[in-house]
Amino acid sequence: MAAIRILVADDHPIYRDGLARSLADAEDIEVVGAATDGEEAARLTAELLPDLVLLDISMPKGGGLGALEAIRKLPQPPHVAMLTASEEGEDVMQAMRLGALGYVLKGVGADELLTLVRELAAGRPHVAPSLAGRLLLAMKGSSDAASRSAPPRDPLSDLSRREEDILRLVALGRSNREVGEELDLQEKTVKHYMTSILQKLQVRNRVEAAMLMREHRKL
């Protein structure tokens, strides 16, 4: 089985080097590169084609968000997770809007980080529990005044029963392949359903959709 190829980007050399060493100690993980700023992170990603990029959000030269935006424009962009000490809801929201698959706090332990890296590389979204509430508040706060004054509406009400079943499994951490296996669907069919789900919910990625499911269906 091929090793998970990871690019690490952080402007603090002690943290960056320590993180790279911790990841490289795992037999199934290969750290293919390390970047010190947003521009270098985007350039190395295009050159090295990693499976997963871990981006610090506060780097110079465009920062993590600038790098994320550039990476998501690549022909076949890798999964990207924000690895940062920031717990600001707006930072989380912006990263998810730009297509980040996860948001992991820097204080996470080494064993947990390895587990999360494997999950993220497999395409499973993750938001640190301490950030989930802030993300929901940021999502609510982004609505306009008219929406806030209107009677509450279930944002999942436009989904078909099949779409809701699929999103429920995604919110529980299942990959498209696993969803297909549980519902007896082909993986490409699940992908088509997910595209429809994101459009109906007017969200940009699986993480935002999963957060809505968790909030409104109390998973």
N, C-alpha and C. Protein backbone atom coordinates (compact mmCIF):
# COMPACT_ATOMS: atom_id res chain seq x y z
N MET A 1 0.85 -1.20 0.00
CA MET A 1 0.00 0.00 0.00
C MET A 1 0.88 1.25 0.00
N ALA A 2 0.59 2.17 -0.90
CA ALA A 2 1.42 3.37 -1.03
C ALA A 2 1.29 4.26 0.19
N ALA A 3 2.39 4.90 0.55
CA ALA A 3 2.39 5.81 1.70
C ALA A 3 1.60 7.07 1.37
N ILE A 4 1.04 7.68 2.39
CA ILE A 4 0.33 8.95 2.24
C ILE A 4 1.37 10.05 2.10
N ARG A 5 1.32 10.79 1.00
CA ARG A 5 2.30 11.83 0.72
C ARG A 5 1.78 13.17 1.23
N ILE A 6 2.55 13.81 2.12
CA ILE A 6 2.09 15.01 2.81
C ILE A 6 3.06 16.16 2.60
N LEU A 7 2.49 17.35 2.41
CA LEU A 7 3.27 18.58 2.39
C LEU A 7 2.89 19.40 3.62
N VAL A 8 3.88 19.86 4.35
CA VAL A 8 3.66 20.66 5.56
C VAL A 8 4.06 22.10 5.28
N ALA A 9 3.22 23.05 5.67
CA ALA A 9 3.53 24.47 5.44
C ALA A 9 3.31 25.25 6.73
N ASP A 10 4.39 25.82 7.27
CA ASP A 10 4.32 26.62 8.50
C ASP A 10 5.56 27.50 8.55
N ASP A 11 5.41 28.75 8.97
CA ASP A 11 6.56 29.67 8.96
C ASP A 11 7.39 29.59 10.23
N HIS A 12 6.99 28.78 11.20
CA HIS A 12 7.79 28.60 12.42
C HIS A 12 8.64 27.33 12.28
N PRO A 13 9.96 27.48 12.09
CA PRO A 13 10.81 26.33 11.77
C PRO A 13 10.79 25.23 12.83
N ILE A 14 10.76 25.59 14.10
CA ILE A 14 10.79 24.55 15.15
C ILE A 14 9.52 23.70 15.07
N TYR A 15 8.38 24.36 14.96
CA TYR A 15 7.12 23.61 14.88
C TYR A 15 7.05 22.82 13.57
N ARG A 16 7.42 23.47 12.46
CA ARG A 16 7.35 22.81 11.15
C ARG A 16 8.22 21.56 11.11
N ASP A 17 9.47 21.68 11.59
CA ASP A 17 10.39 20.54 11.55
C ASP A 17 9.93 19.44 12.51
N GLY A 18 9.43 19.84 13.68
CA GLY A 18 8.95 18.84 14.62
C GLY A 18 7.74 18.10 14.08
N LEU A 19 6.84 18.82 13.43
CA LEU A 19 5.66 18.20 12.84
C LEU A 19 6.06 17.23 11.74
N ALA A 20 6.99 17.65 10.90
CA ALA A 20 7.44 16.78 9.81
C ALA A 20 8.07 15.51 10.34
N ARG A 21 8.88 15.63 11.39
CA ARG A 21 9.51 14.43 11.97
C ARG A 21 8.46 13.50 12.58
N SER A 22 7.49 14.06 13.28
CA SER A 22 6.45 13.24 13.90
C SER A 22 5.67 12.45 12.84
N LEU A 23 5.35 13.12 11.74
CA LEU A 23 4.61 12.44 10.68
C LEU A 23 5.48 11.40 9.97
N ALA A 24 6.74 11.74 9.74
CA ALA A 24 7.64 10.84 9.01
C ALA A 24 7.94 9.57 9.80
N ASP A 25 7.74 9.59 11.11
CA ASP A 25 7.98 8.40 11.93
C ASP A 25 6.97 7.29 11.65
N ALA A 26 5.83 7.65 11.10
CA ALA A 26 4.80 6.66 10.77
C ALA A 26 5.17 5.95 9.48
N GLU A 27 5.04 4.62 9.45
CA GLU A 27 5.44 3.84 8.30
C GLU A 27 4.60 4.14 7.06
N ASP A 28 3.35 4.55 7.27
CA ASP A 28 2.45 4.75 6.13
C ASP A 28 2.37 6.20 5.68
N ILE A 29 3.28 7.05 6.17
CA ILE A 29 3.25 8.47 5.83
C ILE A 29 4.62 8.91 5.33
N GLU A 30 4.63 9.69 4.26
CA GLU A 30 5.86 10.25 3.70
C GLU A 30 5.70 11.76 3.60
N VAL A 31 6.56 12.51 4.24
CA VAL A 31 6.56 13.97 4.13
C VAL A 31 7.39 14.33 2.91
N VAL A 32 6.73 14.81 1.85
CA VAL A 32 7.42 15.04 0.58
C VAL A 32 7.96 16.46 0.46
N GLY A 33 7.55 17.36 1.36
CA GLY A 33 8.04 18.72 1.26
C GLY A 33 7.60 19.57 2.43
N ALA A 34 8.29 20.70 2.63
CA ALA A 34 7.95 21.64 3.70
C ALA A 34 8.07 23.05 3.15
N ALA A 35 7.07 23.87 3.41
CA ALA A 35 7.05 25.25 2.91
C ALA A 35 7.04 26.23 4.08
N THR A 36 7.54 27.43 3.82
CA THR A 36 7.65 28.44 4.88
C THR A 36 6.67 29.60 4.71
N ASP A 37 5.99 29.66 3.56
CA ASP A 37 5.02 30.73 3.35
C ASP A 37 3.95 30.27 2.36
N GLY A 38 2.94 31.11 2.15
CA GLY A 38 1.82 30.72 1.32
C GLY A 38 2.20 30.49 -0.14
N GLU A 39 3.03 31.36 -0.68
CA GLU A 39 3.42 31.21 -2.09
C GLU A 39 4.22 29.93 -2.30
N GLU A 40 5.14 29.64 -1.39
CA GLU A 40 5.94 28.42 -1.53
C GLU A 40 5.06 27.18 -1.37
N ALA A 41 4.08 27.25 -0.48
CA ALA A 41 3.17 26.11 -0.28
C ALA A 41 2.41 25.80 -1.56
N ALA A 42 1.90 26.84 -2.22
CA ALA A 42 1.16 26.62 -3.47
C ALA A 42 2.08 26.09 -4.57
N ARG A 43 3.29 26.64 -4.66
CA ARG A 43 4.23 26.19 -5.70
C ARG A 43 4.66 24.74 -5.49
N LEU A 44 5.02 24.38 -4.25
CA LEU A 44 5.46 23.02 -3.98
C LEU A 44 4.32 22.02 -4.17
N THR A 45 3.11 22.43 -3.85
CA THR A 45 1.97 21.53 -4.06
C THR A 45 1.82 21.19 -5.53
N ALA A 46 1.94 22.21 -6.39
CA ALA A 46 1.83 21.98 -7.83
C ALA A 46 2.96 21.10 -8.35
N GLU A 47 4.16 21.23 -7.74
CA GLU A 47 5.32 20.47 -8.20
C GLU A 47 5.33 19.04 -7.66
N LEU A 48 4.99 18.87 -6.39
CA LEU A 48 5.16 17.59 -5.71
C LEU A 48 3.91 16.71 -5.71
N LEU A 49 2.76 17.31 -5.94
CA LEU A 49 1.49 16.58 -6.01
C LEU A 49 1.25 15.68 -4.80
N PRO A 50 1.24 16.25 -3.59
CA PRO A 50 0.99 15.44 -2.39
C PRO A 50 -0.46 15.00 -2.32
N ASP A 51 -0.73 14.04 -1.44
CA ASP A 51 -2.11 13.60 -1.20
C ASP A 51 -2.84 14.55 -0.25
N LEU A 52 -2.06 15.14 0.66
CA LEU A 52 -2.64 16.02 1.68
C LEU A 52 -1.67 17.16 1.98
N VAL A 53 -2.22 18.36 2.13
CA VAL A 53 -1.42 19.53 2.50
C VAL A 53 -1.92 20.05 3.84
N LEU A 54 -0.99 20.25 4.78
CA LEU A 54 -1.32 20.85 6.07
C LEU A 54 -0.82 22.28 6.05
N LEU A 55 -1.74 23.23 6.14
CA LEU A 55 -1.42 24.64 5.99
C LEU A 55 -1.63 25.41 7.29
N ASP A 56 -0.61 26.16 7.70
CA ASP A 56 -0.79 27.13 8.78
C ASP A 56 -1.52 28.33 8.20
N ILE A 57 -2.46 28.88 8.93
CA ILE A 57 -3.30 29.94 8.37
C ILE A 57 -2.64 31.32 8.40
N SER A 58 -1.60 31.50 9.22
CA SER A 58 -1.06 32.85 9.42
C SER A 58 0.34 33.03 8.85
N MET A 59 0.69 32.31 7.81
CA MET A 59 2.01 32.45 7.18
C MET A 59 2.09 33.74 6.37
N PRO A 60 3.31 34.22 6.10
CA PRO A 60 3.48 35.38 5.21
C PRO A 60 3.22 35.01 3.75
N LYS A 61 3.25 36.02 2.89
CA LYS A 61 3.08 35.87 1.44
C LYS A 61 1.78 35.15 1.09
N GLY A 62 0.69 35.73 1.48
CA GLY A 62 -0.61 35.18 1.13
C GLY A 62 -1.25 34.34 2.21
N GLY A 63 -0.42 33.87 3.14
CA GLY A 63 -0.95 33.08 4.24
C GLY A 63 -1.54 31.76 3.81
N GLY A 64 -2.10 31.04 4.78
CA GLY A 64 -2.70 29.75 4.48
C GLY A 64 -3.92 29.86 3.59
N LEU A 65 -4.72 30.92 3.79
CA LEU A 65 -5.92 31.07 2.98
C LEU A 65 -5.58 31.36 1.52
N GLY A 66 -4.55 32.19 1.31
CA GLY A 66 -4.11 32.46 -0.05
C GLY A 66 -3.59 31.21 -0.73
N ALA A 67 -2.81 30.42 0.02
CA ALA A 67 -2.29 29.17 -0.52
C ALA A 67 -3.43 28.20 -0.82
N LEU A 68 -4.38 28.12 0.08
CA LEU A 68 -5.53 27.23 -0.10
C LEU A 68 -6.28 27.58 -1.38
N GLU A 69 -6.51 28.88 -1.58
CA GLU A 69 -7.24 29.31 -2.77
C GLU A 69 -6.48 28.93 -4.04
N ALA A 70 -5.17 29.11 -4.04
CA ALA A 70 -4.36 28.75 -5.21
C ALA A 70 -4.34 27.24 -5.43
N ILE A 71 -4.22 26.49 -4.36
CA ILE A 71 -4.17 25.03 -4.46
C ILE A 71 -5.47 24.46 -5.00
N ARG A 72 -6.59 25.02 -4.55
CA ARG A 72 -7.89 24.52 -5.00
C ARG A 72 -8.13 24.77 -6.49
N LYS A 73 -7.33 25.66 -7.10
CA LYS A 73 -7.48 25.94 -8.53
C LYS A 73 -6.64 25.00 -9.40
N LEU A 74 -5.84 24.13 -8.78
CA LEU A 74 -5.04 23.18 -9.54
C LEU A 74 -5.95 22.18 -10.26
N PRO A 75 -5.48 21.60 -11.37
CA PRO A 75 -6.32 20.64 -12.11
C PRO A 75 -6.82 19.48 -11.25
N GLN A 76 -5.95 18.94 -10.41
CA GLN A 76 -6.33 17.86 -9.50
C GLN A 76 -5.83 18.21 -8.09
N PRO A 77 -6.53 19.10 -7.41
CA PRO A 77 -6.05 19.56 -6.10
C PRO A 77 -6.07 18.46 -5.05
N PRO A 78 -5.08 18.43 -4.17
CA PRO A 78 -5.08 17.47 -3.07
C PRO A 78 -6.03 17.92 -1.98
N HIS A 79 -6.25 17.05 -1.00
CA HIS A 79 -6.99 17.47 0.18
C HIS A 79 -6.13 18.47 0.96
N VAL A 80 -6.80 19.43 1.58
CA VAL A 80 -6.08 20.45 2.35
C VAL A 80 -6.73 20.60 3.71
N ALA A 81 -5.91 20.65 4.75
CA ALA A 81 -6.41 20.90 6.11
C ALA A 81 -5.63 22.06 6.70
N MET A 82 -6.33 22.89 7.46
CA MET A 82 -5.70 24.02 8.12
C MET A 82 -5.22 23.54 9.49
N LEU A 83 -3.94 23.72 9.74
CA LEU A 83 -3.34 23.33 11.00
C LEU A 83 -2.88 24.60 11.70
N THR A 84 -3.60 25.02 12.74
CA THR A 84 -3.36 26.34 13.30
C THR A 84 -3.81 26.44 14.75
N ALA A 85 -3.31 27.46 15.42
CA ALA A 85 -3.72 27.72 16.80
C ALA A 85 -4.94 28.62 16.85
N SER A 86 -5.38 29.17 15.71
CA SER A 86 -6.50 30.09 15.68
C SER A 86 -7.82 29.38 15.92
N GLU A 87 -8.65 29.96 16.78
CA GLU A 87 -9.98 29.42 17.02
C GLU A 87 -11.05 30.43 16.62
N GLU A 88 -10.69 31.38 15.78
CA GLU A 88 -11.64 32.40 15.35
C GLU A 88 -12.64 31.81 14.37
N GLY A 89 -13.92 31.98 14.64
CA GLY A 89 -14.96 31.42 13.80
C GLY A 89 -14.87 31.89 12.36
N GLU A 90 -14.52 33.14 12.15
CA GLU A 90 -14.45 33.67 10.79
C GLU A 90 -13.32 33.01 10.01
N ASP A 91 -12.18 32.72 10.68
CA ASP A 91 -11.09 32.01 10.01
C ASP A 91 -11.55 30.64 9.56
N VAL A 92 -12.26 29.94 10.44
CA VAL A 92 -12.76 28.61 10.12
C VAL A 92 -13.71 28.69 8.94
N MET A 93 -14.64 29.62 9.01
CA MET A 93 -15.64 29.76 7.95
C MET A 93 -14.99 30.04 6.61
N GLN A 94 -14.02 30.95 6.59
CA GLN A 94 -13.36 31.31 5.34
C GLN A 94 -12.60 30.13 4.76
N ALA A 95 -11.93 29.37 5.62
CA ALA A 95 -11.19 28.21 5.15
C ALA A 95 -12.14 27.18 4.53
N MET A 96 -13.28 26.95 5.17
CA MET A 96 -14.23 25.99 4.64
C MET A 96 -14.86 26.49 3.33
N ARG A 97 -15.11 27.78 3.26
CA ARG A 97 -15.64 28.35 2.01
C ARG A 97 -14.68 28.13 0.85
N LEU A 98 -13.39 28.21 1.15
CA LEU A 98 -12.38 28.05 0.10
C LEU A 98 -12.09 26.60 -0.23
N GLY A 99 -12.68 25.67 0.51
CA GLY A 99 -12.53 24.26 0.16
C GLY A 99 -11.67 23.43 1.06
N ALA A 100 -11.31 23.91 2.24
CA ALA A 100 -10.53 23.09 3.18
C ALA A 100 -11.36 21.90 3.64
N LEU A 101 -10.72 20.76 3.75
CA LEU A 101 -11.42 19.55 4.19
C LEU A 101 -11.46 19.47 5.71
N GLY A 102 -10.51 20.10 6.37
CA GLY A 102 -10.46 20.01 7.83
C GLY A 102 -9.81 21.21 8.46
N TYR A 103 -9.97 21.28 9.77
CA TYR A 103 -9.41 22.38 10.55
C TYR A 103 -8.94 21.78 11.87
N VAL A 104 -7.63 21.61 12.02
CA VAL A 104 -7.06 20.90 13.16
C VAL A 104 -6.25 21.87 14.01
N LEU A 105 -6.51 21.89 15.30
CA LEU A 105 -5.76 22.77 16.19
C LEU A 105 -4.35 22.23 16.42
N LYS A 106 -3.38 23.15 16.54
CA LYS A 106 -1.98 22.75 16.69
C LYS A 106 -1.71 22.02 17.99
N GLY A 107 -2.56 22.19 18.99
CA GLY A 107 -2.32 21.54 20.27
C GLY A 107 -2.67 20.07 20.30
N VAL A 108 -3.13 19.50 19.19
CA VAL A 108 -3.52 18.10 19.17
C VAL A 108 -2.30 17.21 19.42
N GLY A 109 -2.50 16.08 20.11
CA GLY A 109 -1.41 15.15 20.40
C GLY A 109 -0.92 14.42 19.16
N ALA A 110 0.28 13.86 19.24
CA ALA A 110 0.90 13.22 18.08
C ALA A 110 0.07 12.04 17.58
N ASP A 111 -0.41 11.19 18.47
CA ASP A 111 -1.19 10.02 18.05
C ASP A 111 -2.49 10.44 17.38
N GLU A 112 -3.15 11.43 17.97
CA GLU A 112 -4.41 11.89 17.39
C GLU A 112 -4.17 12.55 16.04
N LEU A 113 -3.06 13.29 15.92
CA LEU A 113 -2.74 13.93 14.65
C LEU A 113 -2.55 12.89 13.56
N LEU A 114 -1.85 11.81 13.86
CA LEU A 114 -1.64 10.76 12.86
C LEU A 114 -2.97 10.16 12.42
N THR A 115 -3.87 9.95 13.38
CA THR A 115 -5.18 9.41 13.04
C THR A 115 -5.94 10.37 12.14
N LEU A 116 -5.90 11.67 12.49
CA LEU A 116 -6.61 12.67 11.70
C LEU A 116 -6.02 12.79 10.30
N VAL A 117 -4.71 12.71 10.19
CA VAL A 117 -4.07 12.80 8.88
C VAL A 117 -4.52 11.66 7.98
N ARG A 118 -4.62 10.47 8.54
CA ARG A 118 -5.08 9.33 7.74
C ARG A 118 -6.53 9.52 7.31
N GLU A 119 -7.35 10.03 8.21
CA GLU A 119 -8.76 10.27 7.88
C GLU A 119 -8.89 11.35 6.81
N LEU A 120 -8.14 12.44 6.96
CA LEU A 120 -8.20 13.53 5.99
C LEU A 120 -7.70 13.09 4.62
N ALA A 121 -6.62 12.31 4.61
CA ALA A 121 -6.07 11.82 3.34
C ALA A 121 -7.07 10.93 2.62
N ALA A 122 -7.94 10.26 3.39
CA ALA A 122 -8.98 9.41 2.80
C ALA A 122 -10.21 10.20 2.37
N GLY A 123 -10.17 11.53 2.59
CA GLY A 123 -11.28 12.36 2.16
C GLY A 123 -12.36 12.58 3.18
N ARG A 124 -12.09 12.22 4.43
CA ARG A 124 -13.09 12.39 5.48
C ARG A 124 -12.87 13.74 6.17
N PRO A 125 -13.86 14.60 6.20
CA PRO A 125 -13.70 15.93 6.79
C PRO A 125 -13.54 15.88 8.31
N HIS A 126 -12.87 16.88 8.83
CA HIS A 126 -12.72 16.97 10.29
C HIS A 126 -12.64 18.44 10.70
N VAL A 127 -13.41 18.78 11.72
CA VAL A 127 -13.29 20.08 12.38
C VAL A 127 -13.13 19.80 13.87
N ALA A 128 -12.10 20.38 14.48
CA ALA A 128 -11.87 20.15 15.91
C ALA A 128 -13.15 20.46 16.69
N PRO A 129 -13.53 19.60 17.65
CA PRO A 129 -14.78 19.81 18.40
C PRO A 129 -14.90 21.20 19.00
N SER A 130 -13.80 21.77 19.47
CA SER A 130 -13.87 23.10 20.08
C SER A 130 -14.18 24.18 19.07
N LEU A 131 -14.03 23.86 17.76
CA LEU A 131 -14.31 24.84 16.72
C LEU A 131 -15.69 24.66 16.09
N ALA A 132 -16.31 23.51 16.33
CA ALA A 132 -17.58 23.21 15.66
C ALA A 132 -18.64 24.25 16.00
N GLY A 133 -18.74 24.62 17.29
CA GLY A 133 -19.74 25.61 17.69
C GLY A 133 -19.49 26.95 17.05
N ARG A 134 -18.22 27.35 16.97
CA ARG A 134 -17.89 28.64 16.34
C ARG A 134 -18.25 28.62 14.86
N LEU A 135 -18.04 27.47 14.21
CA LEU A 135 -18.37 27.36 12.79
C LEU A 135 -19.86 27.53 12.57
N LEU A 136 -20.65 26.90 13.41
CA LEU A 136 -22.11 27.03 13.29
C LEU A 136 -22.54 28.48 13.51
N LEU A 137 -21.94 29.14 14.50
CA LEU A 137 -22.28 30.54 14.76
C LEU A 137 -21.89 31.42 13.58
N ALA A 138 -20.73 31.14 12.99
CA ALA A 138 -20.29 31.92 11.84
C ALA A 138 -21.21 31.71 10.65
N MET A 139 -21.66 30.47 10.47
CA MET A 139 -22.57 30.18 9.37
C MET A 139 -23.90 30.91 9.57
N LYS A 140 -24.38 30.92 10.80
CA LYS A 140 -25.62 31.63 11.08
C LYS A 140 -25.44 33.13 10.91
N GLY A 141 -24.29 33.65 11.37
CA GLY A 141 -24.06 35.08 11.31
C GLY A 141 -23.86 35.61 9.91
N SER A 142 -23.59 34.73 8.95
CA SER A 142 -23.36 35.18 7.58
C SER A 142 -24.65 35.42 6.81
N SER A 143 -25.77 35.03 7.36
CA SER A 143 -27.05 35.27 6.69
C SER A 143 -27.41 36.74 6.79
N ASP A 144 -28.22 37.25 5.88
CA ASP A 144 -28.57 38.67 5.90
C ASP A 144 -29.68 38.94 6.92
N ALA A 145 -29.98 40.24 7.13
CA ALA A 145 -30.94 40.62 8.16
C ALA A 145 -32.32 40.08 7.86
N ALA A 146 -32.68 40.02 6.60
CA ALA A 146 -34.01 39.51 6.25
C ALA A 146 -34.13 38.04 6.61
N SER A 147 -33.06 37.29 6.36
CA SER A 147 -33.09 35.87 6.70
C SER A 147 -33.17 35.68 8.20
N ARG A 148 -32.47 36.54 8.94
CA ARG A 148 -32.47 36.38 10.39
C ARG A 148 -33.85 36.69 10.98
N SER A 149 -34.59 37.60 10.34
CA SER A 149 -35.88 37.98 10.88
C SER A 149 -37.00 37.05 10.41
N ALA A 150 -36.72 36.22 9.41
CA ALA A 150 -37.74 35.30 8.90
C ALA A 150 -37.91 34.12 9.83
N PRO A 151 -39.06 33.44 9.76
CA PRO A 151 -39.27 32.25 10.59
C PRO A 151 -38.20 31.20 10.28
N PRO A 152 -37.75 30.45 11.29
CA PRO A 152 -36.72 29.43 11.07
C PRO A 152 -37.16 28.42 10.02
N ARG A 153 -36.23 28.04 9.16
CA ARG A 153 -36.52 27.07 8.10
C ARG A 153 -35.49 25.96 8.15
N ASP A 154 -35.97 24.75 7.99
CA ASP A 154 -35.07 23.60 7.98
C ASP A 154 -34.29 23.60 6.66
N PRO A 155 -32.98 23.85 6.68
CA PRO A 155 -32.22 23.93 5.43
C PRO A 155 -32.13 22.59 4.70
N LEU A 156 -32.47 21.49 5.39
CA LEU A 156 -32.41 20.16 4.78
C LEU A 156 -33.72 19.78 4.12
N SER A 157 -34.72 20.63 4.20
CA SER A 157 -36.05 20.26 3.72
C SER A 157 -36.10 20.04 2.21
N ASP A 158 -35.16 20.62 1.45
CA ASP A 158 -35.15 20.46 0.00
C ASP A 158 -34.49 19.16 -0.46
N LEU A 159 -33.85 18.46 0.47
CA LEU A 159 -33.17 17.21 0.11
C LEU A 159 -34.18 16.08 -0.05
N SER A 160 -33.89 15.19 -1.01
CA SER A 160 -34.68 13.98 -1.13
C SER A 160 -34.31 13.02 0.00
N ARG A 161 -35.11 11.99 0.17
CA ARG A 161 -34.82 11.01 1.23
C ARG A 161 -33.45 10.36 1.01
N ARG A 162 -33.15 10.04 -0.26
CA ARG A 162 -31.87 9.42 -0.57
C ARG A 162 -30.72 10.38 -0.28
N GLU A 163 -30.89 11.65 -0.64
CA GLU A 163 -29.84 12.65 -0.38
C GLU A 163 -29.62 12.83 1.11
N GLU A 164 -30.69 12.81 1.88
CA GLU A 164 -30.54 12.97 3.33
C GLU A 164 -29.85 11.75 3.93
N ASP A 165 -30.15 10.56 3.43
CA ASP A 165 -29.49 9.35 3.91
C ASP A 165 -27.98 9.42 3.63
N ILE A 166 -27.63 9.89 2.45
CA ILE A 166 -26.22 10.00 2.07
C ILE A 166 -25.52 11.03 2.96
N LEU A 167 -26.15 12.19 3.14
CA LEU A 167 -25.53 13.24 3.94
C LEU A 167 -25.39 12.82 5.40
N ARG A 168 -26.33 12.05 5.90
CA ARG A 168 -26.23 11.56 7.28
C ARG A 168 -24.97 10.70 7.46
N LEU A 169 -24.69 9.84 6.48
CA LEU A 169 -23.49 8.99 6.56
C LEU A 169 -22.22 9.83 6.41
N VAL A 170 -22.25 10.84 5.54
CA VAL A 170 -21.10 11.74 5.39
C VAL A 170 -20.83 12.47 6.70
N ALA A 171 -21.90 12.91 7.36
CA ALA A 171 -21.75 13.62 8.63
C ALA A 171 -21.20 12.71 9.72
N LEU A 172 -21.35 11.40 9.54
CA LEU A 172 -20.79 10.44 10.50
C LEU A 172 -19.36 10.04 10.13
N GLY A 173 -18.81 10.68 9.09
CA GLY A 173 -17.41 10.46 8.74
C GLY A 173 -17.15 9.45 7.65
N ARG A 174 -18.19 8.99 6.97
CA ARG A 174 -18.01 8.00 5.91
C ARG A 174 -17.48 8.65 4.64
N SER A 175 -16.62 7.95 3.92
CA SER A 175 -16.16 8.40 2.61
C SER A 175 -17.21 8.07 1.56
N ASN A 176 -17.04 8.60 0.35
CA ASN A 176 -17.99 8.27 -0.71
C ASN A 176 -18.06 6.77 -0.97
N ARG A 177 -16.92 6.12 -0.94
CA ARG A 177 -16.90 4.67 -1.16
C ARG A 177 -17.68 3.94 -0.08
N GLU A 178 -17.47 4.34 1.17
CA GLU A 178 -18.17 3.68 2.27
C GLU A 178 -19.67 3.95 2.23
N VAL A 179 -20.04 5.18 1.83
CA VAL A 179 -21.47 5.48 1.69
C VAL A 179 -22.08 4.58 0.62
N GLY A 180 -21.37 4.43 -0.49
CA GLY A 180 -21.85 3.57 -1.56
C GLY A 180 -22.04 2.13 -1.11
N GLU A 181 -21.09 1.63 -0.33
CA GLU A 181 -21.19 0.25 0.16
C GLU A 181 -22.40 0.08 1.08
N GLU A 182 -22.65 1.06 1.95
CA GLU A 182 -23.76 0.94 2.89
C GLU A 182 -25.12 1.09 2.23
N LEU A 183 -25.18 1.90 1.17
CA LEU A 183 -26.47 2.15 0.51
C LEU A 183 -26.60 1.43 -0.82
N ASP A 184 -25.62 0.57 -1.13
CA ASP A 184 -25.64 -0.21 -2.38
C ASP A 184 -25.68 0.71 -3.60
N LEU A 185 -24.78 1.70 -3.60
CA LEU A 185 -24.66 2.63 -4.71
C LEU A 185 -23.23 2.63 -5.21
N GLN A 186 -23.01 2.95 -6.48
CA GLN A 186 -21.66 3.10 -6.98
C GLN A 186 -21.07 4.41 -6.45
N GLU A 187 -19.75 4.43 -6.29
CA GLU A 187 -19.09 5.62 -5.73
C GLU A 187 -19.36 6.85 -6.59
N LYS A 188 -19.36 6.69 -7.92
CA LYS A 188 -19.60 7.85 -8.78
C LYS A 188 -21.03 8.37 -8.63
N THR A 189 -21.96 7.47 -8.31
CA THR A 189 -23.34 7.89 -8.07
C THR A 189 -23.42 8.73 -6.79
N VAL A 190 -22.67 8.30 -5.77
CA VAL A 190 -22.64 9.06 -4.53
C VAL A 190 -22.07 10.45 -4.78
N LYS A 191 -21.04 10.55 -5.61
CA LYS A 191 -20.46 11.85 -5.94
C LYS A 191 -21.47 12.76 -6.61
N HIS A 192 -22.28 12.20 -7.52
CA HIS A 192 -23.32 12.99 -8.18
C HIS A 192 -24.34 13.49 -7.17
N TYR A 193 -24.72 12.62 -6.24
CA TYR A 193 -25.66 13.03 -5.19
C TYR A 193 -25.07 14.15 -4.34
N MET A 194 -23.77 14.04 -4.00
CA MET A 194 -23.14 15.05 -3.16
C MET A 194 -23.11 16.40 -3.87
N THR A 195 -22.88 16.40 -5.17
CA THR A 195 -22.91 17.66 -5.93
C THR A 195 -24.28 18.31 -5.82
N SER A 196 -25.34 17.51 -5.96
CA SER A 196 -26.70 18.02 -5.82
C SER A 196 -26.97 18.54 -4.41
N ILE A 197 -26.48 17.81 -3.42
CA ILE A 197 -26.69 18.20 -2.02
C ILE A 197 -26.04 19.56 -1.74
N LEU A 198 -24.80 19.73 -2.19
CA LEU A 198 -24.09 21.00 -1.96
C LEU A 198 -24.82 22.16 -2.63
N GLN A 199 -25.35 21.91 -3.82
CA GLN A 199 -26.08 22.97 -4.52
C GLN A 199 -27.37 23.32 -3.79
N LYS A 200 -28.11 22.33 -3.34
CA LYS A 200 -29.36 22.59 -2.65
C LYS A 200 -29.15 23.31 -1.32
N LEU A 201 -28.09 22.94 -0.61
CA LEU A 201 -27.82 23.56 0.68
C LEU A 201 -27.09 24.89 0.56
N GLN A 202 -26.61 25.16 -0.67
CA GLN A 202 -25.86 26.39 -0.93
C GLN A 202 -24.62 26.49 -0.04
N VAL A 203 -23.90 25.39 0.06
CA VAL A 203 -22.63 25.34 0.77
C VAL A 203 -21.55 24.94 -0.20
N ARG A 204 -20.29 25.14 0.20
CA ARG A 204 -19.19 24.93 -0.73
C ARG A 204 -18.51 23.58 -0.62
N ASN A 205 -18.70 22.90 0.48
CA ASN A 205 -17.99 21.64 0.63
C ASN A 205 -18.71 20.71 1.60
N ARG A 206 -18.15 19.50 1.74
CA ARG A 206 -18.75 18.45 2.55
C ARG A 206 -18.80 18.83 4.03
N VAL A 207 -17.79 19.56 4.47
CA VAL A 207 -17.75 19.92 5.90
C VAL A 207 -18.94 20.78 6.28
N GLU A 208 -19.21 21.83 5.48
CA GLU A 208 -20.34 22.70 5.78
C GLU A 208 -21.65 21.92 5.73
N ALA A 209 -21.79 21.04 4.73
CA ALA A 209 -23.01 20.23 4.62
C ALA A 209 -23.16 19.31 5.82
N ALA A 210 -22.05 18.69 6.25
CA ALA A 210 -22.09 17.79 7.40
C ALA A 210 -22.46 18.54 8.68
N MET A 211 -21.95 19.77 8.82
CA MET A 211 -22.26 20.55 10.00
C MET A 211 -23.75 20.88 10.06
N LEU A 212 -24.35 21.17 8.91
CA LEU A 212 -25.79 21.43 8.88
C LEU A 212 -26.58 20.19 9.29
N MET A 213 -26.15 19.03 8.79
CA MET A 213 -26.83 17.79 9.16
C MET A 213 -26.73 17.54 10.66
N ARG A 214 -25.54 17.75 11.22
CA ARG A 214 -25.35 17.51 12.66
C ARG A 214 -26.19 18.46 13.50
N GLU A 215 -26.32 19.70 13.05
CA GLU A 215 -27.09 20.68 13.81
C GLU A 215 -28.58 20.39 13.76
N HIS A 216 -29.09 20.09 12.57
CA HIS A 216 -30.54 19.99 12.39
C HIS A 216 -31.10 18.58 12.57
N ARG A 217 -30.22 17.59 12.61
CA ARG A 217 -30.70 16.22 12.83
C ARG A 217 -30.14 15.63 14.11
N LYS A 218 -29.35 16.41 14.87
CA LYS A 218 -28.85 16.02 16.19
C LYS A 218 -28.19 14.64 16.16
N LEU A 219 -27.20 14.48 15.27
CA LEU A 219 -26.50 13.19 15.16
C LEU A 219 -25.61 12.95 16.38
